[in-house]
Amino acid sequence: GGSLLFSPASTEVAASLTNGIATFDNLTLAIESGAALHELKFKFGSVESTSNPFFVHQAPVSCLLTSFPSDNATAGSALRQQPVVEIVDSLGTRAYAASGTPLLVTAFVSGASGLLGGVTSVVTSAGQARFTDLSLQKVGIWEISFNF
């Protein structure tokens, strides 16, 4: 059978060949998105072919909270456990630089202006927004949300 070669890793994937058509089942490219052009090289015996160059674009991104604030906080004091928000794509892969640009992640409490203290907007680094001094200014049960 034929094989699919991933350069530079030279990973080979077998294909079934029927009536001169090679079929690859469950083929996935595990490469990072970015500005680099990629190409696929196909080889069957002594016959080789290279695809047209193509870009890999990142899947749509969303927020994922990976470090949760403590459920016990003191009004006016920094949360004991500060939130860490990861930006991930729809496949669950951390988006190190979505669209090639760091993102600004903002923490807020819906419908409660001025309730959240400290630095409420953080620029991502390596796909994460690490808050360091968020605080809640009033006693109560509050839900902190994040957007970018």
Protein backbone atom coordinates (compact mmCIF):
# COMPACT_ATOMS: atom_id res chain seq x y z
CA GLY A 1 0.00 0.00 0.00
CA GLY A 2 0.86 3.68 -0.16
CA SER A 3 1.81 5.97 2.66
CA LEU A 4 1.38 9.58 3.69
CA LEU A 5 4.61 11.25 4.76
CA PHE A 6 4.53 14.13 7.22
CA SER A 7 7.61 16.27 6.88
CA PRO A 8 9.83 16.69 8.87
CA ALA A 9 8.54 13.91 11.15
CA SER A 10 8.21 11.43 8.24
CA THR A 11 5.21 9.78 9.84
CA GLU A 12 3.70 7.17 7.57
CA VAL A 13 0.00 6.38 7.39
CA ALA A 14 -1.29 3.41 5.44
CA ALA A 15 -4.04 3.78 2.85
CA SER A 16 -6.28 1.34 1.05
CA LEU A 17 -5.95 1.33 -2.73
CA THR A 18 -8.98 0.54 -4.89
CA ASN A 19 -9.22 1.16 -8.64
CA GLY A 20 -6.22 3.49 -8.51
CA ILE A 21 -7.64 5.66 -5.70
CA ALA A 22 -5.89 5.80 -2.32
CA THR A 23 -8.24 6.27 0.62
CA PHE A 24 -7.00 7.37 4.05
CA ASP A 25 -9.30 6.70 7.02
CA ASN A 26 -9.37 9.02 10.04
CA LEU A 27 -6.47 11.13 8.82
CA THR A 28 -5.60 14.02 11.15
CA LEU A 29 -2.87 16.63 10.87
CA ALA A 30 -1.48 17.43 14.31
CA ILE A 31 0.38 20.63 13.49
CA GLU A 32 0.13 24.08 15.06
CA SER A 33 -1.56 26.93 13.29
CA GLY A 34 0.44 29.90 12.16
CA ALA A 35 1.93 31.70 9.25
CA ALA A 36 4.00 28.78 7.94
CA LEU A 37 2.90 27.07 4.75
CA HIS A 38 2.55 23.30 4.91
CA GLU A 39 2.40 20.65 2.22
CA LEU A 40 1.59 16.96 2.04
CA LYS A 41 3.84 14.52 0.22
CA PHE A 42 2.41 11.32 -1.16
CA LYS A 43 4.49 8.35 -2.23
CA PHE A 44 3.51 5.03 -3.76
CA GLY A 45 6.41 2.90 -4.85
CA SER A 46 8.60 5.16 -6.99
CA VAL A 47 5.77 7.66 -7.72
CA GLU A 48 5.76 10.81 -5.60
CA SER A 49 3.43 13.79 -5.51
CA THR A 50 3.32 16.95 -3.39
CA SER A 51 0.17 18.91 -2.57
CA ASN A 52 -0.23 22.62 -3.12
CA PRO A 53 0.99 24.64 -0.12
CA PHE A 54 -1.66 25.40 2.52
CA PHE A 55 -2.07 27.19 5.84
CA VAL A 56 -3.45 25.62 9.02
CA HIS A 57 -5.92 27.94 10.72
CA GLN A 58 -6.79 27.62 14.38
CA ALA A 59 -10.27 26.48 15.31
CA PRO A 60 -12.50 29.09 17.01
CA VAL A 61 -11.32 29.91 20.54
CA SER A 62 -13.10 30.12 23.88
CA CYS A 63 -12.23 30.52 27.57
CA LEU A 64 -11.62 27.68 30.00
CA LEU A 65 -11.15 28.44 33.69
CA THR A 66 -8.36 26.19 35.00
CA SER A 67 -7.80 27.69 38.46
CA PHE A 68 -10.90 28.54 40.46
CA PRO A 69 -11.13 31.23 43.14
CA SER A 70 -11.79 29.93 46.64
CA ASP A 71 -15.40 29.81 47.74
CA ASN A 72 -14.37 31.70 50.90
CA ALA A 73 -13.25 35.26 50.28
CA THR A 74 -13.01 38.35 52.46
CA ALA A 75 -14.69 41.46 51.07
CA GLY A 76 -12.09 44.01 49.98
CA SER A 77 -9.16 41.54 50.12
CA ALA A 78 -7.49 39.75 47.22
CA LEU A 79 -8.96 36.32 46.54
CA ARG A 80 -6.78 33.66 48.18
CA GLN A 81 -6.83 31.56 44.98
CA GLN A 82 -6.59 33.73 41.88
CA PRO A 83 -8.22 32.59 38.64
CA VAL A 84 -6.24 31.33 35.66
CA VAL A 85 -8.09 31.35 32.34
CA GLU A 86 -6.84 29.29 29.39
CA ILE A 87 -7.80 30.20 25.87
CA VAL A 88 -8.56 26.94 24.06
CA ASP A 89 -9.84 26.11 20.59
CA SER A 90 -12.91 24.00 19.90
CA LEU A 91 -10.68 20.91 19.94
CA GLY A 92 -9.50 21.66 23.50
CA THR A 93 -6.01 22.70 22.40
CA ARG A 94 -4.52 25.69 24.20
CA ALA A 95 -4.38 28.65 21.84
CA TYR A 96 -0.91 29.99 22.49
CA ALA A 97 -1.45 32.99 20.23
CA ALA A 98 -4.93 33.03 18.81
CA SER A 99 -4.80 34.82 15.47
CA GLY A 100 -1.11 35.53 16.17
CA THR A 101 -1.97 38.18 18.76
CA PRO A 102 -2.21 37.92 22.57
CA LEU A 103 -5.76 38.41 23.84
CA LEU A 104 -7.08 40.68 26.58
CA VAL A 105 -9.18 38.65 29.05
CA THR A 106 -11.53 40.62 31.31
CA ALA A 107 -13.09 39.44 34.57
CA PHE A 108 -16.49 40.82 35.56
CA VAL A 109 -19.53 40.21 37.74
CA SER A 110 -22.62 40.57 35.57
CA GLY A 111 -24.98 43.32 36.72
CA ALA A 112 -22.69 44.47 39.55
CA SER A 113 -20.53 47.36 38.35
CA GLY A 114 -17.64 48.20 40.67
CA LEU A 115 -17.95 44.98 42.66
CA LEU A 116 -14.72 43.48 41.34
CA GLY A 117 -11.47 45.06 42.51
CA GLY A 118 -7.85 44.71 41.44
CA VAL A 119 -6.61 44.37 37.88
CA THR A 120 -9.64 43.03 36.01
CA SER A 121 -8.10 42.76 32.50
CA VAL A 122 -5.03 40.63 31.77
CA VAL A 123 -3.16 39.97 28.50
CA THR A 124 -2.63 36.31 27.70
CA SER A 125 0.80 34.77 27.75
CA ALA A 126 1.31 31.26 26.35
CA GLY A 127 -2.47 30.98 26.00
CA GLN A 128 -3.21 31.80 29.65
CA ALA A 129 -4.50 34.85 31.50
CA ARG A 130 -3.25 34.81 35.10
CA PHE A 131 -5.04 37.16 37.46
CA THR A 132 -3.04 38.20 40.52
CA ASP A 133 -5.08 40.54 42.70
CA LEU A 134 -8.80 40.18 42.01
CA SER A 135 -11.05 40.97 44.96
CA LEU A 136 -14.76 41.24 45.68
CA GLN A 137 -15.69 44.55 47.29
CA LYS A 138 -19.00 43.52 48.91
CA VAL A 139 -20.29 40.61 50.98
CA GLY A 140 -22.54 38.19 49.08
CA ILE A 141 -22.62 35.28 46.70
CA TRP A 142 -21.13 36.37 43.38
CA GLU A 143 -20.21 34.71 40.10
CA ILE A 144 -17.12 35.96 38.31
CA SER A 145 -17.24 35.62 34.52
CA PHE A 146 -14.54 36.11 31.89
CA ASN A 147 -14.55 37.25 28.30
CA PHE A 148 -12.06 38.23 25.64
